[in-house]
Amino acid sequence: AETYNKAAFSNGVAEGSVFDASYIKLRQVTLNWKLPSQWFTNVPFKDVNVALVGRNLALLYSKVPHIDPESGFSNSDAQQGQEFGQLPSARSMGFNINFKL
């Protein structure tokens, strides 16, 4: 058992487990609309902008075959760059409203 565990869980890294981590990701998309000022003549604010925002929308290209290259790596100095079956990256979508007083 000791020999098996040392062989299976050693610090050695097999060459077949090393990948080029090149990737292209669609990080953020924002669609912004400036609403017409005549809609806001009787209110105390002006220059109203409304935006739809999407973040972490897609991994467009990756040389790593099975993971998002940006997620789930260990933060230990001894284990940098090792992947441990992480959860998928979170995608978020929302909206912004901006105005001037």
Protein backbone atom coordinates (compact mmCIF):
# COMPACT_ATOMS: atom_id res chain seq x y z
CA ALA A 1 0.00 0.00 0.00
CA GLU A 2 2.82 2.40 0.83
CA THR A 3 4.51 1.84 -2.53
CA TYR A 4 1.21 2.28 -4.38
CA ASN A 5 0.39 5.56 -2.62
CA LYS A 6 3.86 6.98 -3.18
CA ALA A 7 3.58 6.14 -6.89
CA ALA A 8 0.00 7.41 -7.30
CA PHE A 9 0.27 10.58 -5.22
CA SER A 10 3.87 11.63 -5.68
CA ASN A 11 4.95 15.17 -6.47
CA GLY A 12 6.11 14.11 -9.92
CA VAL A 13 4.11 15.50 -12.85
CA ALA A 14 3.57 13.25 -15.83
CA GLU A 15 4.33 14.88 -19.17
CA GLY A 16 0.91 13.85 -20.51
CA SER A 17 -0.72 15.95 -17.79
CA VAL A 18 0.93 19.23 -18.84
CA PHE A 19 -1.04 21.47 -21.23
CA ASP A 20 -0.59 24.78 -23.00
CA ALA A 21 -2.99 27.10 -21.15
CA SER A 22 -3.61 29.46 -24.09
CA TYR A 23 -7.20 30.63 -24.31
CA ILE A 24 -9.56 33.30 -25.66
CA LYS A 25 -12.48 34.31 -23.50
CA LEU A 26 -15.44 36.66 -23.98
CA ARG A 27 -14.95 38.47 -20.68
CA GLN A 28 -17.60 41.23 -20.75
CA VAL A 29 -20.24 42.71 -23.03
CA THR A 30 -22.11 45.94 -22.25
CA LEU A 31 -25.02 47.33 -24.27
CA ASN A 32 -25.67 50.94 -23.25
CA TRP A 33 -28.63 53.17 -24.17
CA LYS A 34 -28.91 56.87 -23.48
CA LEU A 35 -32.60 57.58 -22.97
CA PRO A 36 -34.07 60.67 -24.65
CA SER A 37 -33.84 63.77 -22.43
CA GLN A 38 -37.42 64.81 -23.27
CA TRP A 39 -38.65 61.78 -21.26
CA PHE A 40 -37.27 63.41 -18.08
CA THR A 41 -38.39 67.04 -18.23
CA ASN A 42 -40.47 66.93 -15.00
CA VAL A 43 -38.02 65.04 -12.78
CA PRO A 44 -34.90 66.25 -10.89
CA PHE A 45 -32.41 64.14 -12.85
CA LYS A 46 -31.10 64.10 -16.43
CA ASP A 47 -28.77 62.17 -18.74
CA VAL A 48 -30.27 58.76 -17.97
CA ASN A 49 -28.33 55.74 -19.27
CA VAL A 50 -29.49 52.14 -19.05
CA ALA A 51 -27.13 49.23 -19.74
CA LEU A 52 -27.27 45.46 -19.93
CA VAL A 53 -24.05 43.79 -18.75
CA GLY A 54 -22.86 40.22 -19.20
CA ARG A 55 -19.64 38.93 -17.62
CA ASN A 56 -17.68 35.72 -18.20
CA LEU A 57 -19.95 34.85 -21.12
CA ALA A 58 -17.96 32.28 -23.07
CA LEU A 59 -14.68 30.43 -23.39
CA LEU A 60 -14.20 30.81 -27.15
CA TYR A 61 -10.94 28.90 -27.56
CA SER A 62 -8.82 26.83 -25.22
CA LYS A 63 -5.92 24.43 -25.69
CA VAL A 64 -6.68 22.84 -22.32
CA PRO A 65 -9.13 20.04 -23.15
CA HIS A 66 -11.42 19.94 -20.12
CA ILE A 67 -11.23 23.02 -17.88
CA ASP A 68 -11.50 26.78 -17.77
CA PRO A 69 -7.84 27.88 -17.57
CA GLU A 70 -8.70 30.65 -15.08
CA SER A 71 -10.56 28.71 -12.42
CA GLY A 72 -9.96 26.25 -9.66
CA PHE A 73 -6.21 26.27 -9.37
CA SER A 74 -4.65 25.71 -5.99
CA ASN A 75 -3.34 28.79 -4.20
CA SER A 76 -0.62 26.86 -2.44
CA ASP A 77 2.92 27.74 -3.53
CA ALA A 78 3.73 24.06 -3.86
CA GLN A 79 0.76 23.37 -6.16
CA GLN A 80 0.49 26.32 -8.54
CA GLY A 81 -1.16 25.44 -11.82
CA GLN A 82 -2.64 22.14 -10.68
CA GLU A 83 -6.31 21.54 -11.44
CA PHE A 84 -8.44 19.67 -8.89
CA GLY A 85 -11.89 19.20 -10.49
CA GLN A 86 -13.19 22.72 -9.94
CA LEU A 87 -16.72 23.96 -10.53
CA PRO A 88 -17.46 25.79 -13.79
CA SER A 89 -16.80 29.52 -13.86
CA ALA A 90 -19.75 31.67 -12.84
CA ARG A 91 -21.48 33.69 -15.54
CA SER A 92 -23.29 36.84 -14.49
CA MET A 93 -25.80 39.09 -16.21
CA GLY A 94 -27.29 42.31 -14.93
CA PHE A 95 -28.18 45.89 -15.65
CA ASN A 96 -26.97 49.37 -14.71
CA ILE A 97 -28.86 52.65 -14.44
CA ASN A 98 -26.88 55.91 -14.36
CA PHE A 99 -28.18 59.46 -14.14
CA LYS A 100 -27.09 62.96 -13.21
CA LEU A 101 -28.87 65.15 -10.69
